[in-house]
PDB file of N, CA and C in Angstrom:
ATOM      1  N   MET A   1       3.661  24.203 -42.054  1.00  0.00           N
ATOM      2  CA  MET A   1       3.985  24.525 -40.391  1.00  0.00           C
ATOM      3  C   MET A   1       3.009  25.694 -39.819  1.00  0.00           C
ATOM      4  N   THR A   2       2.098  25.172 -38.859  1.00  0.00           N
ATOM      5  CA  THR A   2       1.303  25.875 -38.312  1.00  0.00           C
ATOM      6  C   THR A   2       1.976  26.697 -37.285  1.00  0.00           C
ATOM      7  N   THR A   3       1.885  28.054 -36.892  1.00  0.00           N
ATOM      8  CA  THR A   3       2.343  28.627 -35.811  1.00  0.00           C
ATOM      9  C   THR A   3       0.965  28.979 -34.909  1.00  0.00           C
ATOM     10  N   LEU A   4       0.864  28.966 -33.650  1.00  0.00           N
ATOM     11  CA  LEU A   4       0.275  29.487 -32.796  1.00  0.00           C
ATOM     12  C   LEU A   4       0.108  30.840 -32.827  1.00  0.00           C
ATOM     13  N   SER A   5      -1.057  31.684 -32.453  1.00  0.00           N
ATOM     14  CA  SER A   5      -0.837  33.114 -32.283  1.00  0.00           C
ATOM     15  C   SER A   5      -0.808  33.078 -30.790  1.00  0.00           C
ATOM     16  N   PRO A   6      -0.251  34.830 -30.555  1.00  0.00           N
ATOM     17  CA  PRO A   6      -0.059  34.863 -29.332  1.00  0.00           C
ATOM     18  C   PRO A   6      -1.043  34.579 -28.039  1.00  0.00           C
ATOM     19  N   GLN A   7      -2.159  34.819 -28.562  1.00  0.00           N
ATOM     20  CA  GLN A   7      -3.445  34.506 -27.685  1.00  0.00           C
ATOM     21  C   GLN A   7      -3.655  33.190 -27.147  1.00  0.00           C
ATOM     22  N   ARG A   8      -3.089  32.250 -28.501  1.00  0.00           N
ATOM     23  CA  ARG A   8      -3.427  30.758 -28.027  1.00  0.00           C
ATOM     24  C   ARG A   8      -2.533  30.266 -27.172  1.00  0.00           C
ATOM     25  N   ARG A   9      -1.385  30.521 -27.076  1.00  0.00           N
ATOM     26  CA  ARG A   9      -0.084  29.859 -26.239  1.00  0.00           C
ATOM     27  C   ARG A   9      -0.371  29.709 -25.014  1.00  0.00           C
ATOM     28  N   PRO A  10      -0.940  30.898 -24.264  1.00  0.00           N
ATOM     29  CA  PRO A  10      -1.296  30.806 -22.780  1.00  0.00           C
ATOM     30  C   PRO A  10      -2.090  29.603 -22.869  1.00  0.00           C
ATOM     31  N   ALA A  11      -3.328  29.511 -23.377  1.00  0.00           N
ATOM     32  CA  ALA A  11      -4.371  28.512 -23.362  1.00  0.00           C
ATOM     33  C   ALA A  11      -3.584  27.012 -23.668  1.00  0.00           C
ATOM     34  N   ARG A  12      -3.107  26.864 -24.490  1.00  0.00           N
ATOM     35  CA  ARG A  12      -2.377  25.664 -24.662  1.00  0.00           C
ATOM     36  C   ARG A  12      -1.229  25.379 -23.438  1.00  0.00           C
ATOM     37  N   ALA A  13      -0.558  26.173 -23.165  1.00  0.00           N
ATOM     38  CA  ALA A  13       0.110  25.979 -21.551  1.00  0.00           C
ATOM     39  C   ALA A  13      -0.658  25.479 -20.558  1.00  0.00           C
ATOM     40  N   ALA A  14      -1.944  26.048 -20.617  1.00  0.00           N
ATOM     41  CA  ALA A  14      -2.758  25.828 -19.055  1.00  0.00           C
ATOM     42  C   ALA A  14      -3.141  24.653 -19.133  1.00  0.00           C
ATOM     43  N   TRP A  15      -3.596  24.216 -20.488  1.00  0.00           N
ATOM     44  CA  TRP A  15      -3.979  22.766 -20.872  1.00  0.00           C
ATOM     45  C   TRP A  15      -2.817  21.668 -20.374  1.00  0.00           C
ATOM     46  N   LEU A  16      -1.942  21.717 -20.878  1.00  0.00           N
ATOM     47  CA  LEU A  16      -0.382  20.982 -20.573  1.00  0.00           C
ATOM     48  C   LEU A  16      -0.400  20.899 -19.207  1.00  0.00           C
ATOM     49  N   ILE A  17      -0.494  22.094 -18.452  1.00  0.00           N
ATOM     50  CA  ILE A  17      -0.377  22.207 -16.873  1.00  0.00           C
ATOM     51  C   ILE A  17      -1.243  21.106 -16.367  1.00  0.00           C
ATOM     52  N   LEU A  18      -2.356  21.432 -16.787  1.00  0.00           N
ATOM     53  CA  LEU A  18      -3.553  20.794 -15.946  1.00  0.00           C
ATOM     54  C   LEU A  18      -3.428  19.466 -16.178  1.00  0.00           C
ATOM     55  N   ALA A  19      -3.260  18.850 -17.714  1.00  0.00           N
ATOM     56  CA  ALA A  19      -2.788  17.409 -17.843  1.00  0.00           C
ATOM     57  C   ALA A  19      -2.265  16.925 -17.022  1.00  0.00           C
ATOM     58  N   ALA A  20      -0.865  17.450 -16.822  1.00  0.00           N
ATOM     59  CA  ALA A  20       0.314  16.988 -15.986  1.00  0.00           C
ATOM     60  C   ALA A  20      -0.272  16.869 -14.654  1.00  0.00           C
ATOM     61  N   LEU A  21      -0.916  17.682 -13.991  1.00  0.00           N
ATOM     62  CA  LEU A  21      -1.728  17.697 -12.666  1.00  0.00           C
ATOM     63  C   LEU A  21      -2.215  16.248 -12.720  1.00  0.00           C
ATOM     64  N   MET A  22      -3.486  16.305 -13.568  1.00  0.00           N
ATOM     65  CA  MET A  22      -4.218  15.101 -13.560  1.00  0.00           C
ATOM     66  C   MET A  22      -3.437  14.041 -13.404  1.00  0.00           C
ATOM     67  N   LEU A  23      -2.466  13.551 -14.328  1.00  0.00           N
ATOM     68  CA  LEU A  23      -1.492  12.981 -14.383  1.00  0.00           C
ATOM     69  C   LEU A  23      -1.194  12.611 -13.074  1.00  0.00           C
ATOM     70  N   ALA A  24      -0.445  13.437 -12.200  1.00  0.00           N
ATOM     71  CA  ALA A  24       0.252  13.433 -10.955  1.00  0.00           C
ATOM     72  C   ALA A  24      -0.855  12.951 -10.247  1.00  0.00           C
ATOM     73  N   VAL A  25      -1.820  13.171 -10.011  1.00  0.00           N
ATOM     74  CA  VAL A  25      -3.153  12.831  -9.054  1.00  0.00           C
ATOM     75  C   VAL A  25      -3.507  11.288  -9.227  1.00  0.00           C
ATOM     76  N   VAL A  26      -3.474  10.855 -10.660  1.00  0.00           N
ATOM     77  CA  VAL A  26      -3.778   9.461 -10.768  1.00  0.00           C
ATOM     78  C   VAL A  26      -2.747   8.710 -10.586  1.00  0.00           C
ATOM     79  N   LEU A  27      -1.363   8.807 -10.516  1.00  0.00           N
ATOM     80  CA  LEU A  27      -0.347   8.235 -10.184  1.00  0.00           C
ATOM     81  C   LEU A  27      -0.429   8.182  -8.661  1.00  0.00           C
ATOM     82  N   VAL A  28      -0.554   9.359  -7.780  1.00  0.00           N
ATOM     83  CA  VAL A  28      -0.383   9.161  -6.474  1.00  0.00           C
ATOM     84  C   VAL A  28      -1.770   8.503  -6.062  1.00  0.00           C
ATOM     85  N   VAL A  29      -2.473   8.302  -6.609  1.00  0.00           N
ATOM     86  CA  VAL A  29      -3.961   7.625  -5.912  1.00  0.00           C
ATOM     87  C   VAL A  29      -3.869   6.215  -6.239  1.00  0.00           C
ATOM     88  N   ALA A  30      -3.725   5.786  -7.556  1.00  0.00           N
ATOM     89  CA  ALA A  30      -3.447   4.308  -8.012  1.00  0.00           C
ATOM     90  C   ALA A  30      -1.792   4.159  -7.584  1.00  0.00           C
ATOM     91  N   GLY A  31      -1.167   4.388  -6.780  1.00  0.00           N
ATOM     92  CA  GLY A  31       0.170   4.257  -6.176  1.00  0.00           C
ATOM     93  C   GLY A  31      -0.148   3.036  -5.212  1.00  0.00           C
ATOM     94  N   PRO A  32       1.001   2.305  -4.789  1.00  0.00           N
ATOM     95  CA  PRO A  32       0.821   0.922  -3.961  1.00  0.00           C
ATOM     96  C   PRO A  32       0.271   0.927  -2.556  1.00  0.00           C
ATOM     97  N   ALA A  33      -0.631   0.321  -2.419  1.00  0.00           N
ATOM     98  CA  ALA A  33      -1.373   0.825  -0.830  1.00  0.00           C
ATOM     99  C   ALA A  33      -0.874   0.028  -0.105  1.00  0.00           C
ATOM    100  N   GLN A  34      -0.591   0.118   1.147  1.00  0.00           N
ATOM    101  CA  GLN A  34      -0.018  -0.748   2.260  1.00  0.00           C
ATOM    102  C   GLN A  34      -1.054  -1.186   2.738  1.00  0.00           C
ATOM    103  N   PRO A  35      -1.228  -2.625   2.895  1.00  0.00           N
ATOM    104  CA  PRO A  35      -2.220  -3.276   3.531  1.00  0.00           C
ATOM    105  C   PRO A  35      -2.202  -3.521   4.570  1.00  0.00           C
ATOM    106  N   VAL A  36      -3.292  -3.491   5.675  1.00  0.00           N
ATOM    107  CA  VAL A  36      -3.253  -3.666   7.000  1.00  0.00           C
ATOM    108  C   VAL A  36      -2.856  -4.962   7.677  1.00  0.00           C
ATOM    109  N   ALA A  37      -3.342  -6.101   6.516  1.00  0.00           N
ATOM    110  CA  ALA A  37      -2.940  -7.231   6.531  1.00  0.00           C
ATOM    111  C   ALA A  37      -2.561  -7.765   5.244  1.00  0.00           C
ATOM    112  N   ALA A  38      -1.412  -8.588   5.284  1.00  0.00           N
ATOM    113  CA  ALA A  38      -0.751  -9.135   4.026  1.00  0.00           C
ATOM    114  C   ALA A  38      -2.271  -9.957   3.520  1.00  0.00           C
ATOM    115  N   SER A  39      -2.046 -10.093   2.177  1.00  0.00           N
ATOM    116  CA  SER A  39      -2.999 -11.045   1.277  1.00  0.00           C
ATOM    117  C   SER A  39      -2.154 -12.273   1.456  1.00  0.00           C
ATOM    118  N   CYS A  40      -2.648 -13.193   0.683  1.00  0.00           N
ATOM    119  CA  CYS A  40      -2.163 -14.187   0.223  1.00  0.00           C
ATOM    120  C   CYS A  40      -0.549 -14.207  -0.124  1.00  0.00           C
ATOM    121  N   GLY A  41       0.208 -14.730   0.469  1.00  0.00           N
ATOM    122  CA  GLY A  41       1.554 -14.789   0.202  1.00  0.00           C
ATOM    123  C   GLY A  41       2.420 -13.256   0.227  1.00  0.00           C
ATOM    124  N   GLY A  42       1.795 -12.648   1.394  1.00  0.00           N
ATOM    125  CA  GLY A  42       2.478 -11.151   1.600  1.00  0.00           C
ATOM    126  C   GLY A  42       3.010 -11.162   3.024  1.00  0.00           C
ATOM    127  N   THR A  43       3.449  -9.936   3.175  1.00  0.00           N
ATOM    128  CA  THR A  43       4.367  -9.960   4.517  1.00  0.00           C
ATOM    129  C   THR A  43       3.768  -8.672   5.636  1.00  0.00           C
ATOM    130  N   THR A  44       3.351  -8.950   6.538  1.00  0.00           N
ATOM    131  CA  THR A  44       2.582  -7.964   7.348  1.00  0.00           C
ATOM    132  C   THR A  44       3.956  -7.293   8.636  1.00  0.00           C
ATOM    133  N   ILE A  45       4.051  -6.225   8.842  1.00  0.00           N
ATOM    134  CA  ILE A  45       5.014  -5.648   9.627  1.00  0.00           C
ATOM    135  C   ILE A  45       4.370  -5.289  10.973  1.00  0.00           C
ATOM    136  N   VAL A  46       4.840  -6.067  12.379  1.00  0.00           N
ATOM    137  CA  VAL A  46       4.174  -5.755  13.685  1.00  0.00           C
ATOM    138  C   VAL A  46       4.931  -5.196  14.398  1.00  0.00           C
ATOM    139  N   GLY A  47       4.434  -4.356  15.407  1.00  0.00           N
ATOM    140  CA  GLY A  47       5.135  -3.618  16.302  1.00  0.00           C
ATOM    141  C   GLY A  47       4.633  -3.850  17.795  1.00  0.00           C
ATOM    142  N   THR A  48       3.632  -4.406  18.009  1.00  0.00           N
ATOM    143  CA  THR A  48       3.192  -4.466  19.244  1.00  0.00           C
ATOM    144  C   THR A  48       2.652  -5.927  19.489  1.00  0.00           C
ATOM    145  N   GLU A  49       2.256  -6.790  20.462  1.00  0.00           N
ATOM    146  CA  GLU A  49       1.469  -7.896  20.647  1.00  0.00           C
ATOM    147  C   GLU A  49       0.110  -8.070  20.093  1.00  0.00           C
ATOM    148  N   ALA A  50      -0.622  -6.648  20.200  1.00  0.00           N
ATOM    149  CA  ALA A  50      -2.072  -6.524  19.734  1.00  0.00           C
ATOM    150  C   ALA A  50      -1.842  -6.807  18.057  1.00  0.00           C
ATOM    151  N   GLN A  51      -1.106  -5.723  17.610  1.00  0.00           N
ATOM    152  CA  GLN A  51      -0.831  -6.220  16.327  1.00  0.00           C
ATOM    153  C   GLN A  51      -0.665  -7.449  15.625  1.00  0.00           C
ATOM    154  N   LEU A  52       0.274  -8.338  16.634  1.00  0.00           N
ATOM    155  CA  LEU A  52       0.985  -9.529  16.414  1.00  0.00           C
ATOM    156  C   LEU A  52      -0.387 -10.372  16.067  1.00  0.00           C
ATOM    157  N   ASN A  53      -1.412 -10.226  17.565  1.00  0.00           N
ATOM    158  CA  ASN A  53      -2.451 -11.174  17.291  1.00  0.00           C
ATOM    159  C   ASN A  53      -3.286 -10.804  16.438  1.00  0.00           C
ATOM    160  N   ALA A  54      -3.534  -9.310  15.988  1.00  0.00           N
ATOM    161  CA  ALA A  54      -4.314  -9.353  14.783  1.00  0.00           C
ATOM    162  C   ALA A  54      -4.015  -9.933  13.490  1.00  0.00           C
ATOM    163  N   ALA A  55      -2.652  -9.982  13.205  1.00  0.00           N
ATOM    164  CA  ALA A  55      -2.029 -10.391  12.103  1.00  0.00           C
ATOM    165  C   ALA A  55      -2.173 -11.817  12.264  1.00  0.00           C
ATOM    166  N   ILE A  56      -1.898 -12.749  13.257  1.00  0.00           N
ATOM    167  CA  ILE A  56      -2.282 -13.949  13.213  1.00  0.00           C
ATOM    168  C   ILE A  56      -3.622 -14.168  12.972  1.00  0.00           C
ATOM    169  N   ALA A  57      -4.666 -13.890  13.634  1.00  0.00           N
ATOM    170  CA  ALA A  57      -6.212 -13.752  13.445  1.00  0.00           C
ATOM    171  C   ALA A  57      -6.517 -13.732  11.923  1.00  0.00           C
ATOM    172  N   ALA A  58      -6.115 -12.620  11.263  1.00  0.00           N
ATOM    173  CA  ALA A  58      -6.192 -12.380   9.818  1.00  0.00           C
ATOM    174  C   ALA A  58      -5.666 -13.382   8.564  1.00  0.00           C
ATOM    175  N   PHE A  59      -4.463 -13.968   9.134  1.00  0.00           N
ATOM    176  CA  PHE A  59      -4.253 -15.122   8.531  1.00  0.00           C
ATOM    177  C   PHE A  59      -4.444 -16.570   8.738  1.00  0.00           C
ATOM    178  N   ASN A  60      -5.423 -16.471  10.077  1.00  0.00           N
ATOM    179  CA  ASN A  60      -6.012 -17.610  10.111  1.00  0.00           C
ATOM    180  C   ASN A  60      -7.337 -17.514   9.509  1.00  0.00           C
ATOM    181  N   ALA A  61      -7.847 -16.678   9.303  1.00  0.00           N
ATOM    182  CA  ALA A  61      -9.241 -16.291   8.850  1.00  0.00           C
ATOM    183  C   ALA A  61      -9.212 -16.756   7.345  1.00  0.00           C
ATOM    184  N   VAL A  62      -8.192 -16.624   6.663  1.00  0.00           N
ATOM    185  CA  VAL A  62      -7.756 -16.661   5.248  1.00  0.00           C
ATOM    186  C   VAL A  62      -8.179 -18.305   4.913  1.00  0.00           C
ATOM    187  N   ALA A  63      -9.078 -18.437   4.263  1.00  0.00           N
ATOM    188  CA  ALA A  63      -9.465 -19.898   3.550  1.00  0.00           C
ATOM    189  C   ALA A  63      -8.519 -20.133   2.380  1.00  0.00           C
ATOM    190  N   ALA A  64      -8.298 -19.269   1.745  1.00  0.00           N
ATOM    191  CA  ALA A  64      -7.430 -19.633   0.154  1.00  0.00           C
ATOM    192  C   ALA A  64      -6.088 -20.373   0.401  1.00  0.00           C
ATOM    193  N   GLY A  65      -5.883 -21.207  -0.401  1.00  0.00           N
ATOM    194  CA  GLY A  65      -4.324 -21.628   0.309  1.00  0.00           C
ATOM    195  C   GLY A  65      -4.088 -22.047  -1.413  1.00  0.00           C
ATOM    196  N   PRO A  66      -2.998 -22.675  -1.278  1.00  0.00           N
ATOM    197  CA  PRO A  66      -1.942 -22.355  -0.616  1.00  0.00           C
ATOM    198  C   PRO A  66      -1.106 -21.510  -0.155  1.00  0.00           C
ATOM    199  N   CYS A  67      -0.990 -20.739   0.557  1.00  0.00           N
ATOM    200  CA  CYS A  67      -0.311 -19.390   1.165  1.00  0.00           C
ATOM    201  C   CYS A  67       0.452 -19.597   1.776  1.00  0.00           C
ATOM    202  N   THR A  68       1.658 -18.409   1.659  1.00  0.00           N
ATOM    203  CA  THR A  68       2.945 -18.444   2.515  1.00  0.00           C
ATOM    204  C   THR A  68       2.948 -16.907   3.301  1.00  0.00           C
ATOM    205  N   PHE A  69       2.392 -16.925   4.609  1.00  0.00           N
ATOM    206  CA  PHE A  69       2.252 -15.832   5.095  1.00  0.00           C
ATOM    207  C   PHE A  69       3.436 -14.994   6.195  1.00  0.00           C
ATOM    208  N   THR A  70       3.895 -14.287   5.938  1.00  0.00           N
ATOM    209  CA  THR A  70       5.120 -13.731   6.461  1.00  0.00           C
ATOM    210  C   THR A  70       4.728 -12.537   7.553  1.00  0.00           C
ATOM    211  N   ILE A  71       5.186 -12.600   8.762  1.00  0.00           N
ATOM    212  CA  ILE A  71       5.016 -11.561   9.921  1.00  0.00           C
ATOM    213  C   ILE A  71       6.535 -11.082  10.224  1.00  0.00           C
ATOM    214  N   GLN A  72       6.736  -9.810   9.958  1.00  0.00           N
ATOM    215  CA  GLN A  72       7.990  -9.175  10.310  1.00  0.00           C
ATOM    216  C   GLN A  72       7.895  -8.312  11.300  1.00  0.00           C
ATOM    217  N   LEU A  73       8.641  -8.633  12.164  1.00  0.00           N
ATOM    218  CA  LEU A  73       8.525  -7.779  13.810  1.00  0.00           C
ATOM    219  C   LEU A  73       9.392  -6.497  13.533  1.00  0.00           C
ATOM    220  N   GLY A  74       8.737  -5.570  13.628  1.00  0.00           N
ATOM    221  CA  GLY A  74       9.316  -4.160  13.411  1.00  0.00           C
ATOM    222  C   GLY A  74      10.011  -3.668  14.832  1.00  0.00           C
ATOM    223  N   ALA A  75       9.730  -4.504  15.802  1.00  0.00           N
ATOM    224  CA  ALA A  75      10.137  -3.779  17.114  1.00  0.00           C
ATOM    225  C   ALA A  75      10.254  -5.376  18.160  1.00  0.00           C
ATOM    226  N   ASP A  76      10.939  -5.398  19.319  1.00  0.00           N
ATOM    227  CA  ASP A  76      11.135  -6.469  19.959  1.00  0.00           C
ATOM    228  C   ASP A  76       9.547  -6.506  20.757  1.00  0.00           C
ATOM    229  N   ILE A  77       8.757  -7.770  21.055  1.00  0.00           N
ATOM    230  CA  ILE A  77       7.431  -7.781  21.362  1.00  0.00           C
ATOM    231  C   ILE A  77       7.610  -8.718  22.575  1.00  0.00           C
ATOM    232  N   LEU A  78       7.174  -8.366  23.688  1.00  0.00           N
ATOM    233  CA  LEU A  78       7.039  -9.110  24.953  1.00  0.00           C
ATOM    234  C   LEU A  78       5.511 -10.198  24.781  1.00  0.00           C
ATOM    235  N   VAL A  79       5.623 -11.577  24.293  1.00  0.00           N
ATOM    236  CA  VAL A  79       4.600 -12.058  24.110  1.00  0.00           C
ATOM    237  C   VAL A  79       3.640 -12.200  25.481  1.00  0.00           C
ATOM    238  N   THR A  80       2.657 -12.207  26.090  1.00  0.00           N
ATOM    239  CA  THR A  80       2.174 -12.626  27.162  1.00  0.00           C
ATOM    240  C   THR A  80       0.502 -13.226  26.960  1.00  0.00           C
ATOM    241  N   SER A  81       0.135 -13.176  25.827  1.00  0.00           N
ATOM    242  CA  SER A  81      -1.045 -14.215  26.035  1.00  0.00           C
ATOM    243  C   SER A  81      -0.957 -15.371  25.858  1.00  0.00           C
ATOM    244  N   GLY A  82       0.105 -16.046  25.968  1.00  0.00           N
ATOM    245  CA  GLY A  82       0.533 -17.498  25.510  1.00  0.00           C
ATOM    246  C   GLY A  82       0.065 -17.814  24.194  1.00  0.00           C
ATOM    247  N   LYS A  83       0.316 -16.874  23.047  1.00  0.00           N
ATOM    248  CA  LYS A  83       0.362 -17.554  21.756  1.00  0.00           C
ATOM    249  C   LYS A  83       1.423 -18.708  21.447  1.00  0.00           C
ATOM    250  N   GLU A  84       1.142 -19.313  20.849  1.00  0.00           N
ATOM    251  CA  GLU A  84       2.066 -20.883  20.396  1.00  0.00           C
ATOM    252  C   GLU A  84       2.611 -20.245  18.831  1.00  0.00           C
ATOM    253  N   LEU A  85       3.905 -20.060  18.930  1.00  0.00           N
ATOM    254  CA  LEU A  85       4.357 -19.215  17.555  1.00  0.00           C
ATOM    255  C   LEU A  85       5.286 -20.096  17.343  1.00  0.00           C
ATOM    256  N   ALA A  86       5.210 -20.182  16.083  1.00  0.00           N
ATOM    257  CA  ALA A  86       5.939 -21.311  15.037  1.00  0.00           C
ATOM    258  C   ALA A  86       6.671 -20.581  14.058  1.00  0.00           C
ATOM    259  N   ASN A  87       7.789 -21.351  13.514  1.00  0.00           N
ATOM    260  CA  ASN A  87       8.655 -20.812  12.392  1.00  0.00           C
ATOM    261  C   ASN A  87       8.023 -21.078  11.200  1.00  0.00           C
TER     262      ASN A  87
END
C-alpha cells in the first residue's frame, strides 16, 4: 500500500473538489427545464388571459398527434376575448 506524500495531498484534495464542483454544474445545467408551452402530452400553467391565449395557440400549432394537452390555471382568469373553452 502506498501513501501519498504530504506535498501531494493538497493537490489531490483540490482535484476532488474541482471534480465535485464540475459534477454539480453539470447536474444544475442538465436539470429539468420548465417549458414555456407544454410539448405533446404536457401541462402548461397560465395565470393571465394572454398566457391562456398563447397556450391555446401553441397547442393548436402542434401537428403531431394524438396528443393530450392540459392547461392548468394558476389564478382566476376573466376571459374577455370570446374564446370558446372546451373541457
